[in-house]
Amino acid sequence: VKGAYVGLNLNSSGNVEKWLNLAKKTELNAVVIDVKADTGKVTYQMDNAAIRELGICISQYTDMKGLLKTLKENGIYTIARVVCFKDSTVGSIHPDYMLYNKDGSLFVDGDGEQWMNPYNRDTWEYIVDIAEQAVLDGFDEICFDYIRFTTSKLISKKLDSGKYDYNFEYRVEFGYDSDELNPRQIITAFTKYACNRLKPLGVYV
């Protein structure tokens, strides 16, 4: 696979033609397309009523299945980029998914971004439902992005005890089983869950 991240840049037939011409002249044989974008919006109307009814789907791509068909007919491998826990959209639908400060206010990082709380397992199902549908709609591979907590200094302060591994005082309220699992462990657990959910579909992650 020798791919290029095209983001939302294949949303017109003219752009597709330009990209295919470029691929014919080079070694490029794959594309990474935004499916769940940085905002949390899904970039096309998924063939899944439950996802569409959430109101998170926009029509950035008006015919995703047709696009994927065209790419594959031209020997192009297709990768769906699914942004995980950075999400400024879902909070209006599922406020319980979001990360909150200890005073109860919504956590917003230094870049003005909102984040889901990975300790809430409902967020896992939500993310992987979207990834799974992308595979069913024709994508060859899933690329999870922002599969982490924010790195904003607003989330925690480092404690000065000479230790490196998660020696922080957190300014947010993780809840759930955060007393038992540190952030690295919960992200690892999510990754295993996502891979196990998608494995039966035979898709690379």
N, C-alpha and C. Protein backbone atom coordinates (compact mmCIF):
# COMPACT_ATOMS: atom_id res chain seq x y z
N VAL A 1 0.84 -1.19 0.00
CA VAL A 1 0.00 0.00 0.00
C VAL A 1 0.88 1.24 0.00
N LYS A 2 0.65 2.10 -0.99
CA LYS A 2 1.32 3.40 -1.05
C LYS A 2 0.22 4.44 -1.22
N GLY A 3 -0.18 5.00 -0.12
CA GLY A 3 -1.39 5.79 -0.12
C GLY A 3 -1.20 7.26 0.15
N ALA A 4 -2.26 8.01 -0.08
CA ALA A 4 -2.30 9.44 0.21
C ALA A 4 -3.56 9.73 1.01
N TYR A 5 -3.42 10.62 1.98
CA TYR A 5 -4.58 11.07 2.75
C TYR A 5 -5.27 12.16 1.94
N VAL A 6 -6.46 11.85 1.45
CA VAL A 6 -7.19 12.81 0.63
C VAL A 6 -8.27 13.54 1.41
N GLY A 7 -8.52 13.11 2.66
CA GLY A 7 -9.49 13.81 3.49
C GLY A 7 -10.85 13.87 2.83
N LEU A 8 -11.27 15.09 2.47
CA LEU A 8 -12.56 15.30 1.82
C LEU A 8 -12.39 15.71 0.36
N ASN A 9 -11.21 15.49 -0.19
CA ASN A 9 -10.90 16.04 -1.51
C ASN A 9 -11.32 15.18 -2.69
N LEU A 10 -12.09 14.14 -2.45
CA LEU A 10 -12.61 13.33 -3.56
C LEU A 10 -14.13 13.46 -3.65
N ASN A 11 -14.63 14.62 -3.21
CA ASN A 11 -16.08 14.79 -3.14
C ASN A 11 -16.68 15.36 -4.42
N SER A 12 -15.92 15.37 -5.50
CA SER A 12 -16.47 15.75 -6.80
C SER A 12 -15.85 14.87 -7.87
N SER A 13 -16.58 14.66 -8.95
CA SER A 13 -16.08 13.78 -10.02
C SER A 13 -14.80 14.32 -10.62
N GLY A 14 -14.68 15.65 -10.69
CA GLY A 14 -13.46 16.25 -11.22
C GLY A 14 -12.25 15.94 -10.37
N ASN A 15 -12.43 16.01 -9.07
CA ASN A 15 -11.32 15.69 -8.16
C ASN A 15 -10.93 14.22 -8.25
N VAL A 16 -11.92 13.35 -8.40
CA VAL A 16 -11.65 11.92 -8.53
C VAL A 16 -10.83 11.66 -9.78
N GLU A 17 -11.22 12.28 -10.87
CA GLU A 17 -10.51 12.08 -12.14
C GLU A 17 -9.06 12.56 -12.03
N LYS A 18 -8.86 13.70 -11.39
CA LYS A 18 -7.50 14.22 -11.22
C LYS A 18 -6.66 13.25 -10.38
N TRP A 19 -7.29 12.70 -9.35
CA TRP A 19 -6.53 11.80 -8.48
C TRP A 19 -6.20 10.49 -9.19
N LEU A 20 -7.13 9.97 -9.95
CA LEU A 20 -6.89 8.73 -10.69
C LEU A 20 -5.78 8.93 -11.73
N ASN A 21 -5.76 10.09 -12.38
CA ASN A 21 -4.70 10.39 -13.34
C ASN A 21 -3.34 10.45 -12.64
N LEU A 22 -3.32 11.03 -11.44
CA LEU A 22 -2.08 11.08 -10.66
C LEU A 22 -1.63 9.67 -10.29
N ALA A 23 -2.58 8.84 -9.87
CA ALA A 23 -2.25 7.47 -9.48
C ALA A 23 -1.67 6.68 -10.65
N LYS A 24 -2.19 6.94 -11.85
CA LYS A 24 -1.69 6.23 -13.04
C LYS A 24 -0.25 6.61 -13.36
N LYS A 25 0.15 7.83 -12.98
CA LYS A 25 1.49 8.32 -13.29
C LYS A 25 2.51 8.02 -12.19
N THR A 26 2.03 7.53 -11.05
CA THR A 26 2.92 7.34 -9.89
C THR A 26 2.69 5.94 -9.31
N GLU A 27 3.29 5.69 -8.15
CA GLU A 27 3.11 4.42 -7.46
C GLU A 27 1.92 4.43 -6.49
N LEU A 28 1.20 5.53 -6.42
CA LEU A 28 0.06 5.62 -5.52
C LEU A 28 -0.99 4.56 -5.86
N ASN A 29 -1.42 3.83 -4.84
CA ASN A 29 -2.44 2.80 -5.08
C ASN A 29 -3.46 2.70 -3.95
N ALA A 30 -3.50 3.74 -3.09
CA ALA A 30 -4.43 3.71 -1.96
C ALA A 30 -4.81 5.13 -1.56
N VAL A 31 -5.99 5.26 -0.96
CA VAL A 31 -6.44 6.55 -0.44
C VAL A 31 -6.98 6.38 0.97
N VAL A 32 -6.77 7.41 1.78
CA VAL A 32 -7.37 7.50 3.11
C VAL A 32 -8.42 8.60 3.03
N ILE A 33 -9.67 8.23 3.28
CA ILE A 33 -10.80 9.15 3.15
C ILE A 33 -11.43 9.38 4.52
N ASP A 34 -11.73 10.63 4.84
CA ASP A 34 -12.41 10.94 6.10
C ASP A 34 -13.81 10.34 6.09
N VAL A 35 -14.11 9.51 7.09
CA VAL A 35 -15.46 8.99 7.28
C VAL A 35 -16.07 9.61 8.53
N LYS A 36 -15.45 9.40 9.68
CA LYS A 36 -15.82 10.18 10.88
C LYS A 36 -14.73 11.22 11.03
N ALA A 37 -15.07 12.44 10.70
CA ALA A 37 -14.08 13.50 10.60
C ALA A 37 -13.73 14.09 11.97
N ASP A 38 -12.84 15.06 11.96
CA ASP A 38 -12.35 15.64 13.21
C ASP A 38 -13.46 16.27 14.06
N THR A 39 -14.51 16.74 13.44
CA THR A 39 -15.62 17.34 14.17
C THR A 39 -16.52 16.29 14.82
N GLY A 40 -16.41 15.05 14.36
CA GLY A 40 -17.31 14.00 14.81
C GLY A 40 -18.39 13.69 13.79
N LYS A 41 -18.54 14.54 12.77
CA LYS A 41 -19.54 14.31 11.73
C LYS A 41 -19.10 13.14 10.83
N VAL A 42 -20.08 12.39 10.36
CA VAL A 42 -19.85 11.35 9.36
C VAL A 42 -20.07 11.99 8.00
N THR A 43 -19.15 11.76 7.07
CA THR A 43 -19.10 12.55 5.84
C THR A 43 -20.05 12.12 4.74
N TYR A 44 -20.84 11.08 4.98
CA TYR A 44 -21.83 10.66 3.98
C TYR A 44 -23.00 9.99 4.69
N GLN A 45 -24.08 9.83 3.97
CA GLN A 45 -25.28 9.21 4.54
C GLN A 45 -25.08 7.70 4.55
N MET A 46 -24.71 7.18 5.69
CA MET A 46 -24.40 5.75 5.80
C MET A 46 -25.63 4.90 5.56
N ASP A 47 -25.40 3.71 5.06
CA ASP A 47 -26.48 2.77 4.78
C ASP A 47 -26.88 2.06 6.08
N ASN A 48 -27.23 2.89 7.07
CA ASN A 48 -27.56 2.38 8.40
C ASN A 48 -28.52 3.38 9.04
N ALA A 49 -29.77 2.99 9.17
CA ALA A 49 -30.79 3.91 9.65
C ALA A 49 -30.50 4.42 11.06
N ALA A 50 -29.99 3.54 11.93
CA ALA A 50 -29.73 3.94 13.32
C ALA A 50 -28.67 5.03 13.39
N ILE A 51 -27.65 4.95 12.54
CA ILE A 51 -26.61 5.98 12.52
C ILE A 51 -27.15 7.26 11.91
N ARG A 52 -27.90 7.15 10.81
CA ARG A 52 -28.44 8.35 10.17
C ARG A 52 -29.40 9.09 11.09
N GLU A 53 -30.17 8.35 11.87
CA GLU A 53 -31.16 8.98 12.75
C GLU A 53 -30.52 9.81 13.87
N LEU A 54 -29.25 9.58 14.13
CA LEU A 54 -28.56 10.38 15.14
C LEU A 54 -28.33 11.81 14.67
N GLY A 55 -28.41 12.03 13.37
CA GLY A 55 -28.21 13.37 12.83
C GLY A 55 -26.74 13.76 12.70
N ILE A 56 -25.85 12.77 12.70
CA ILE A 56 -24.42 13.05 12.60
C ILE A 56 -23.90 12.96 11.17
N CYS A 57 -24.73 12.46 10.25
CA CYS A 57 -24.28 12.27 8.87
C CYS A 57 -24.54 13.52 8.04
N ILE A 58 -23.53 13.95 7.31
CA ILE A 58 -23.70 15.04 6.37
C ILE A 58 -23.41 14.48 4.96
N SER A 59 -23.73 15.25 3.94
CA SER A 59 -23.58 14.75 2.57
C SER A 59 -22.37 15.37 1.89
N GLN A 60 -21.24 15.34 2.60
CA GLN A 60 -19.99 15.79 1.98
C GLN A 60 -19.70 14.93 0.74
N TYR A 61 -19.94 13.63 0.90
CA TYR A 61 -19.89 12.70 -0.23
C TYR A 61 -21.31 12.27 -0.53
N THR A 62 -21.77 12.55 -1.73
CA THR A 62 -23.16 12.25 -2.07
C THR A 62 -23.36 10.81 -2.53
N ASP A 63 -22.27 10.16 -2.93
CA ASP A 63 -22.38 8.77 -3.41
C ASP A 63 -21.10 8.02 -3.03
N MET A 64 -20.98 7.70 -1.75
CA MET A 64 -19.76 7.05 -1.27
C MET A 64 -19.58 5.67 -1.89
N LYS A 65 -20.66 4.92 -2.00
CA LYS A 65 -20.54 3.58 -2.59
C LYS A 65 -20.08 3.67 -4.04
N GLY A 66 -20.61 4.65 -4.77
CA GLY A 66 -20.18 4.83 -6.15
C GLY A 66 -18.72 5.23 -6.24
N LEU A 67 -18.29 6.08 -5.33
CA LEU A 67 -16.88 6.48 -5.30
C LEU A 67 -15.97 5.29 -5.03
N LEU A 68 -16.34 4.49 -4.04
CA LEU A 68 -15.53 3.31 -3.70
C LEU A 68 -15.48 2.34 -4.88
N LYS A 69 -16.59 2.18 -5.56
CA LYS A 69 -16.64 1.29 -6.73
C LYS A 69 -15.67 1.79 -7.81
N THR A 70 -15.70 3.09 -8.07
CA THR A 70 -14.81 3.67 -9.08
C THR A 70 -13.34 3.48 -8.71
N LEU A 71 -13.03 3.72 -7.45
CA LEU A 71 -11.65 3.58 -6.99
C LEU A 71 -11.18 2.13 -7.14
N LYS A 72 -12.02 1.20 -6.74
CA LYS A 72 -11.62 -0.21 -6.80
C LYS A 72 -11.49 -0.70 -8.24
N GLU A 73 -12.34 -0.18 -9.12
CA GLU A 73 -12.24 -0.55 -10.53
C GLU A 73 -10.91 -0.10 -11.13
N ASN A 74 -10.32 0.91 -10.49
CA ASN A 74 -9.04 1.43 -10.94
C ASN A 74 -7.88 0.94 -10.08
N GLY A 75 -8.12 -0.12 -9.31
CA GLY A 75 -7.07 -0.74 -8.53
C GLY A 75 -6.63 0.02 -7.30
N ILE A 76 -7.52 0.88 -6.78
CA ILE A 76 -7.18 1.70 -5.62
C ILE A 76 -7.75 1.07 -4.34
N TYR A 77 -6.88 0.89 -3.37
CA TYR A 77 -7.24 0.34 -2.05
C TYR A 77 -7.79 1.48 -1.20
N THR A 78 -8.91 1.23 -0.51
CA THR A 78 -9.62 2.31 0.18
C THR A 78 -9.56 2.15 1.70
N ILE A 79 -9.18 3.23 2.38
CA ILE A 79 -9.00 3.24 3.83
C ILE A 79 -9.90 4.32 4.42
N ALA A 80 -10.72 3.94 5.39
CA ALA A 80 -11.61 4.88 6.06
C ALA A 80 -10.95 5.43 7.31
N ARG A 81 -10.81 6.74 7.38
CA ARG A 81 -10.27 7.38 8.59
C ARG A 81 -11.42 7.66 9.54
N VAL A 82 -11.34 7.08 10.74
CA VAL A 82 -12.38 7.23 11.75
C VAL A 82 -11.75 7.90 12.98
N VAL A 83 -12.09 9.15 13.20
CA VAL A 83 -11.61 9.86 14.39
C VAL A 83 -12.37 9.34 15.59
N CYS A 84 -11.62 8.98 16.63
CA CYS A 84 -12.25 8.31 17.77
C CYS A 84 -12.77 9.29 18.82
N PHE A 85 -11.94 9.65 19.78
CA PHE A 85 -12.46 10.31 20.98
C PHE A 85 -12.55 11.83 20.89
N LYS A 86 -11.88 12.44 19.92
CA LYS A 86 -12.09 13.87 19.70
C LYS A 86 -13.39 14.03 18.94
N ASP A 87 -14.36 14.73 19.54
CA ASP A 87 -15.69 14.76 18.93
C ASP A 87 -16.49 15.93 19.50
N SER A 88 -16.77 16.91 18.68
CA SER A 88 -17.55 18.07 19.12
C SER A 88 -18.99 18.01 18.64
N THR A 89 -19.42 16.84 18.17
CA THR A 89 -20.77 16.68 17.63
C THR A 89 -21.66 15.85 18.53
N VAL A 90 -21.16 14.73 19.02
CA VAL A 90 -22.02 13.76 19.69
C VAL A 90 -22.54 14.26 21.04
N GLY A 91 -21.88 15.25 21.64
CA GLY A 91 -22.30 15.73 22.95
C GLY A 91 -23.71 16.28 22.99
N SER A 92 -24.17 16.82 21.86
CA SER A 92 -25.54 17.34 21.82
C SER A 92 -26.57 16.22 21.76
N ILE A 93 -26.12 15.03 21.39
CA ILE A 93 -27.01 13.86 21.29
C ILE A 93 -26.88 12.98 22.53
N HIS A 94 -25.64 12.74 22.93
CA HIS A 94 -25.33 11.91 24.10
C HIS A 94 -24.37 12.67 25.02
N PRO A 95 -24.90 13.60 25.83
CA PRO A 95 -24.01 14.35 26.71
C PRO A 95 -23.24 13.47 27.68
N ASP A 96 -23.78 12.29 27.97
CA ASP A 96 -23.11 11.37 28.89
C ASP A 96 -21.83 10.79 28.28
N TYR A 97 -21.64 10.91 26.98
CA TYR A 97 -20.44 10.39 26.34
C TYR A 97 -19.22 11.28 26.60
N MET A 98 -19.47 12.53 27.00
CA MET A 98 -18.41 13.51 26.98
C MET A 98 -17.56 13.52 28.27
N LEU A 99 -16.41 14.15 28.15
CA LEU A 99 -15.49 14.29 29.27
C LEU A 99 -15.82 15.62 29.97
N TYR A 100 -15.90 15.56 31.31
CA TYR A 100 -16.28 16.74 32.09
C TYR A 100 -15.20 17.08 33.12
N ASN A 101 -15.11 18.37 33.41
CA ASN A 101 -14.23 18.82 34.49
C ASN A 101 -14.82 18.40 35.83
N LYS A 102 -14.00 18.45 36.86
CA LYS A 102 -14.46 18.02 38.18
C LYS A 102 -15.56 18.92 38.73
N ASP A 103 -15.67 20.15 38.20
CA ASP A 103 -16.74 21.04 38.66
C ASP A 103 -18.05 20.81 37.90
N GLY A 104 -18.04 19.80 37.00
CA GLY A 104 -19.25 19.47 36.26
C GLY A 104 -19.39 20.14 34.91
N SER A 105 -18.51 21.07 34.59
CA SER A 105 -18.56 21.74 33.29
C SER A 105 -17.94 20.87 32.21
N LEU A 106 -18.37 21.09 30.97
CA LEU A 106 -17.85 20.34 29.85
C LEU A 106 -16.37 20.63 29.66
N PHE A 107 -15.57 19.58 29.49
CA PHE A 107 -14.15 19.78 29.25
C PHE A 107 -13.92 20.22 27.81
N VAL A 108 -13.18 21.30 27.66
CA VAL A 108 -12.78 21.81 26.34
C VAL A 108 -11.27 22.02 26.40
N ASP A 109 -10.54 21.47 25.44
CA ASP A 109 -9.09 21.55 25.52
C ASP A 109 -8.58 22.91 25.03
N GLY A 110 -7.26 23.06 25.01
CA GLY A 110 -6.67 24.34 24.67
C GLY A 110 -6.92 24.78 23.24
N ASP A 111 -7.33 23.85 22.39
CA ASP A 111 -7.65 24.17 20.99
C ASP A 111 -9.15 24.36 20.77
N GLY A 112 -9.92 24.34 21.88
CA GLY A 112 -11.35 24.50 21.76
C GLY A 112 -12.08 23.23 21.37
N GLU A 113 -11.39 22.07 21.47
CA GLU A 113 -11.97 20.80 21.07
C GLU A 113 -12.62 20.09 22.25
N GLN A 114 -13.68 19.33 21.96
CA GLN A 114 -14.35 18.50 22.96
C GLN A 114 -13.96 17.04 22.75
N TRP A 115 -14.02 16.27 23.83
CA TRP A 115 -13.57 14.88 23.78
C TRP A 115 -14.56 13.97 24.48
N MET A 116 -14.75 12.80 23.91
CA MET A 116 -15.53 11.77 24.59
C MET A 116 -14.67 11.13 25.68
N ASN A 117 -15.35 10.55 26.65
CA ASN A 117 -14.68 9.89 27.77
C ASN A 117 -14.47 8.42 27.45
N PRO A 118 -13.25 7.98 27.20
CA PRO A 118 -13.01 6.58 26.84
C PRO A 118 -13.37 5.59 27.94
N TYR A 119 -13.53 6.06 29.17
CA TYR A 119 -13.93 5.15 30.25
C TYR A 119 -15.41 4.75 30.15
N ASN A 120 -16.17 5.49 29.38
CA ASN A 120 -17.57 5.14 29.13
C ASN A 120 -17.61 4.19 27.94
N ARG A 121 -17.90 2.93 28.19
CA ARG A 121 -17.87 1.92 27.12
C ARG A 121 -18.90 2.17 26.03
N ASP A 122 -19.92 2.98 26.30
CA ASP A 122 -20.88 3.30 25.25
C ASP A 122 -20.20 4.04 24.10
N THR A 123 -19.15 4.81 24.41
CA THR A 123 -18.42 5.51 23.35
C THR A 123 -17.70 4.52 22.45
N TRP A 124 -17.27 3.42 23.01
CA TRP A 124 -16.59 2.39 22.21
C TRP A 124 -17.54 1.85 21.14
N GLU A 125 -18.74 1.49 21.59
CA GLU A 125 -19.73 0.92 20.67
C GLU A 125 -20.08 1.92 19.58
N TYR A 126 -20.23 3.17 19.99
CA TYR A 126 -20.58 4.24 19.05
C TYR A 126 -19.53 4.37 17.94
N ILE A 127 -18.27 4.42 18.32
CA ILE A 127 -17.19 4.57 17.35
C ILE A 127 -17.12 3.36 16.42
N VAL A 128 -17.18 2.17 17.00
CA VAL A 128 -17.00 0.96 16.20
C VAL A 128 -18.23 0.68 15.33
N ASP A 129 -19.40 1.09 15.77
CA ASP A 129 -20.58 0.97 14.91
C ASP A 129 -20.36 1.73 13.59
N ILE A 130 -19.78 2.91 13.69
CA ILE A 130 -19.50 3.72 12.50
C ILE A 130 -18.44 3.05 11.63
N ALA A 131 -17.37 2.57 12.28
CA ALA A 131 -16.31 1.89 11.54
C ALA A 131 -16.83 0.64 10.86
N GLU A 132 -17.65 -0.11 11.56
CA GLU A 132 -18.21 -1.35 11.01
C GLU A 132 -19.07 -1.04 9.78
N GLN A 133 -19.87 0.01 9.87
CA GLN A 133 -20.71 0.35 8.73
C GLN A 133 -19.88 0.81 7.54
N ALA A 134 -18.78 1.49 7.81
CA ALA A 134 -17.88 1.90 6.71
C ALA A 134 -17.37 0.68 5.95
N VAL A 135 -17.07 -0.39 6.70
CA VAL A 135 -16.61 -1.63 6.06
C VAL A 135 -17.75 -2.23 5.23
N LEU A 136 -18.93 -2.28 5.80
CA LEU A 136 -20.08 -2.84 5.09
C LEU A 136 -20.42 -2.02 3.84
N ASP A 137 -20.10 -0.73 3.89
CA ASP A 137 -20.35 0.14 2.74
C ASP A 137 -19.26 0.03 1.67
N GLY A 138 -18.18 -0.73 1.99
CA GLY A 138 -17.21 -1.02 0.94
C GLY A 138 -15.76 -0.68 1.19
N PHE A 139 -15.42 -0.09 2.33
CA PHE A 139 -14.02 0.24 2.59
C PHE A 139 -13.21 -1.03 2.88
N ASP A 140 -11.94 -0.99 2.47
CA ASP A 140 -11.04 -2.14 2.64
C ASP A 140 -10.35 -2.14 4.00
N GLU A 141 -10.22 -0.98 4.62
CA GLU A 141 -9.42 -0.88 5.84
C GLU A 141 -9.95 0.25 6.70
N ILE A 142 -9.75 0.13 8.02
CA ILE A 142 -10.12 1.18 8.97
C ILE A 142 -8.85 1.76 9.57
N CYS A 143 -8.75 3.08 9.52
CA CYS A 143 -7.65 3.80 10.18
C CYS A 143 -8.24 4.61 11.32
N PHE A 144 -8.03 4.17 12.55
CA PHE A 144 -8.49 4.93 13.71
C PHE A 144 -7.51 6.06 14.01
N ASP A 145 -8.04 7.25 14.21
CA ASP A 145 -7.22 8.41 14.54
C ASP A 145 -7.72 9.00 15.86
N TYR A 146 -6.90 9.78 16.51
CA TYR A 146 -7.23 10.33 17.83
C TYR A 146 -7.74 9.22 18.75
N ILE A 147 -7.05 8.10 18.69
CA ILE A 147 -7.38 6.94 19.54
C ILE A 147 -6.59 7.12 20.83
N ARG A 148 -6.95 8.19 21.54
CA ARG A 148 -6.19 8.64 22.70
C ARG A 148 -6.98 9.69 23.46
N PHE A 149 -6.41 10.12 24.58
CA PHE A 149 -6.91 11.29 25.30
C PHE A 149 -6.28 12.54 24.70
N THR A 150 -6.85 13.68 25.00
CA THR A 150 -6.24 14.93 24.59
C THR A 150 -4.86 15.08 25.25
N THR A 151 -3.95 15.75 24.57
CA THR A 151 -2.64 16.06 25.16
C THR A 151 -2.61 17.47 25.75
N SER A 152 -3.77 18.13 25.76
CA SER A 152 -3.85 19.49 26.29
C SER A 152 -3.44 19.52 27.77
N LYS A 153 -2.68 20.52 28.13
CA LYS A 153 -2.26 20.68 29.52
C LYS A 153 -3.44 20.97 30.43
N LEU A 154 -4.58 21.33 29.86
CA LEU A 154 -5.76 21.64 30.67
C LEU A 154 -6.33 20.40 31.34
N ILE A 155 -5.96 19.21 30.86
CA ILE A 155 -6.56 18.00 31.41
C ILE A 155 -5.89 17.55 32.70
N SER A 156 -4.63 17.93 32.91
CA SER A 156 -3.91 17.43 34.07
C SER A 156 -2.69 18.29 34.36
N LYS A 157 -2.11 18.05 35.50
CA LYS A 157 -0.81 18.65 35.78
C LYS A 157 0.13 17.55 36.25
N LYS A 158 1.38 17.66 35.82
CA LYS A 158 2.38 16.65 36.13
C LYS A 158 2.79 16.80 37.58
N LEU A 159 2.89 15.69 38.29
CA LEU A 159 3.35 15.70 39.67
C LEU A 159 4.86 15.47 39.69
N ASP A 160 5.54 16.18 40.52
CA ASP A 160 7.00 16.14 40.53
C ASP A 160 7.49 15.11 41.55
N SER A 161 7.49 13.85 41.12
CA SER A 161 8.00 12.81 42.02
C SER A 161 9.05 11.95 41.33
N GLY A 162 9.47 12.37 40.14
CA GLY A 162 10.50 11.63 39.43
C GLY A 162 9.99 10.46 38.63
N LYS A 163 8.69 10.18 38.71
CA LYS A 163 8.12 9.08 37.96
C LYS A 163 7.58 9.60 36.63
N TYR A 164 7.60 8.75 35.62
CA TYR A 164 7.15 9.16 34.30
C TYR A 164 5.75 8.67 33.99
N ASP A 165 5.44 7.44 34.34
CA ASP A 165 4.25 6.78 33.84
C ASP A 165 2.98 7.24 34.55
N TYR A 166 2.24 8.12 33.91
CA TYR A 166 0.94 8.57 34.40
C TYR A 166 0.98 9.09 35.83
N ASN A 167 1.98 9.87 36.11
CA ASN A 167 2.07 10.50 37.42
C ASN A 167 1.47 11.90 37.33
N PHE A 168 0.13 11.93 37.22
CA PHE A 168 -0.57 13.19 37.01
C PHE A 168 -1.66 13.38 38.05
N GLU A 169 -2.02 14.61 38.24
CA GLU A 169 -3.26 14.92 38.94
C GLU A 169 -4.24 15.42 37.88
N TYR A 170 -5.35 14.71 37.73
CA TYR A 170 -6.28 15.04 36.65
C TYR A 170 -7.29 16.09 37.09
N ARG A 171 -7.57 17.00 36.19
CA ARG A 171 -8.54 18.07 36.44
C ARG A 171 -9.93 17.69 35.95
N VAL A 172 -10.01 16.51 35.33
CA VAL A 172 -11.29 16.03 34.82
C VAL A 172 -11.78 14.86 35.67
N GLU A 173 -13.06 14.56 35.53
CA GLU A 173 -13.67 13.44 36.25
C GLU A 173 -13.90 12.30 35.28
N PHE A 174 -13.03 11.28 35.33
CA PHE A 174 -13.19 10.15 34.42
C PHE A 174 -14.34 9.24 34.83
N GLY A 175 -14.46 8.97 36.14
CA GLY A 175 -15.50 8.08 36.62
C GLY A 175 -15.29 6.64 36.18
N TYR A 176 -16.38 5.87 36.18
CA TYR A 176 -16.39 4.47 35.76
C TYR A 176 -15.28 3.70 36.51
N ASP A 177 -14.41 2.97 35.80
CA ASP A 177 -13.38 2.19 36.47
C ASP A 177 -12.00 2.84 36.36
N SER A 178 -11.98 4.17 36.40
CA SER A 178 -10.70 4.88 36.26
C SER A 178 -9.79 4.69 37.47
N ASP A 179 -10.35 4.23 38.60
CA ASP A 179 -9.51 3.93 39.76
C ASP A 179 -8.75 2.62 39.55
N GLU A 180 -9.22 1.79 38.64
CA GLU A 180 -8.59 0.49 38.40
C GLU A 180 -7.71 0.50 37.15
N LEU A 181 -8.07 1.30 36.15
CA LEU A 181 -7.34 1.32 34.89
C LEU A 181 -6.82 2.73 34.60
N ASN A 182 -5.54 2.84 34.27
CA ASN A 182 -5.02 4.16 33.91
C ASN A 182 -5.36 4.45 32.44
N PRO A 183 -5.12 5.68 31.98
CA PRO A 183 -5.50 6.02 30.60
C PRO A 183 -4.89 5.12 29.54
N ARG A 184 -3.65 4.71 29.71
CA ARG A 184 -3.03 3.83 28.71
C ARG A 184 -3.78 2.49 28.66
N GLN A 185 -4.15 1.98 29.82
CA GLN A 185 -4.83 0.69 29.87
C GLN A 185 -6.22 0.76 29.25
N ILE A 186 -6.92 1.88 29.45
CA ILE A 186 -8.28 1.95 28.91
C ILE A 186 -8.23 2.11 27.39
N ILE A 187 -7.26 2.83 26.87
CA ILE A 187 -7.12 2.95 25.42
C ILE A 187 -6.72 1.61 24.81
N THR A 188 -5.86 0.87 25.49
CA THR A 188 -5.49 -0.47 25.03
C THR A 188 -6.71 -1.38 25.00
N ALA A 189 -7.54 -1.29 26.03
CA ALA A 189 -8.75 -2.11 26.09
C ALA A 189 -9.71 -1.75 24.95
N PHE A 190 -9.84 -0.46 24.67
CA PHE A 190 -10.69 -0.05 23.54
C PHE A 190 -10.16 -0.61 22.23
N THR A 191 -8.85 -0.55 22.05
CA THR A 191 -8.24 -1.02 20.81
C THR A 191 -8.53 -2.50 20.60
N LYS A 192 -8.41 -3.28 21.67
CA LYS A 192 -8.70 -4.72 21.58
C LYS A 192 -10.18 -4.93 21.23
N TYR A 193 -11.04 -4.17 21.87
CA TYR A 193 -12.47 -4.28 21.60
C TYR A 193 -12.77 -3.98 20.12
N ALA A 194 -12.19 -2.88 19.61
CA ALA A 194 -12.44 -2.49 18.23
C ALA A 194 -11.96 -3.56 17.25
N CYS A 195 -10.75 -4.06 17.49
CA CYS A 195 -10.21 -5.09 16.59
C CYS A 195 -11.03 -6.36 16.62
N ASN A 196 -11.46 -6.76 17.81
CA ASN A 196 -12.27 -7.97 17.93
C ASN A 196 -13.64 -7.81 17.25
N ARG A 197 -14.22 -6.62 17.35
CA ARG A 197 -15.51 -6.36 16.69
C ARG A 197 -15.38 -6.43 15.18
N LEU A 198 -14.26 -5.93 14.64
CA LEU A 198 -14.10 -5.83 13.20
C LEU A 198 -13.49 -7.08 12.57
N LYS A 199 -12.88 -7.90 13.39
CA LYS A 199 -12.18 -9.09 12.86
C LYS A 199 -13.08 -9.99 12.01
N PRO A 200 -14.32 -10.26 12.40
CA PRO A 200 -15.17 -11.13 11.59
C PRO A 200 -15.41 -10.61 10.17
N LEU A 201 -15.22 -9.30 9.98
CA LEU A 201 -15.43 -8.71 8.65
C LEU A 201 -14.20 -8.87 7.76
N GLY A 202 -13.10 -9.35 8.33
CA GLY A 202 -11.90 -9.57 7.54
C GLY A 202 -11.22 -8.31 7.08
N VAL A 203 -11.38 -7.24 7.82
CA VAL A 203 -10.84 -5.94 7.42
C VAL A 203 -9.56 -5.65 8.22
N TYR A 204 -8.62 -4.97 7.58
CA TYR A 204 -7.43 -4.53 8.30
C TYR A 204 -7.79 -3.33 9.16
N VAL A 205 -7.12 -3.23 10.31
CA VAL A 205 -7.31 -2.10 11.22
C VAL A 205 -5.96 -1.49 11.48
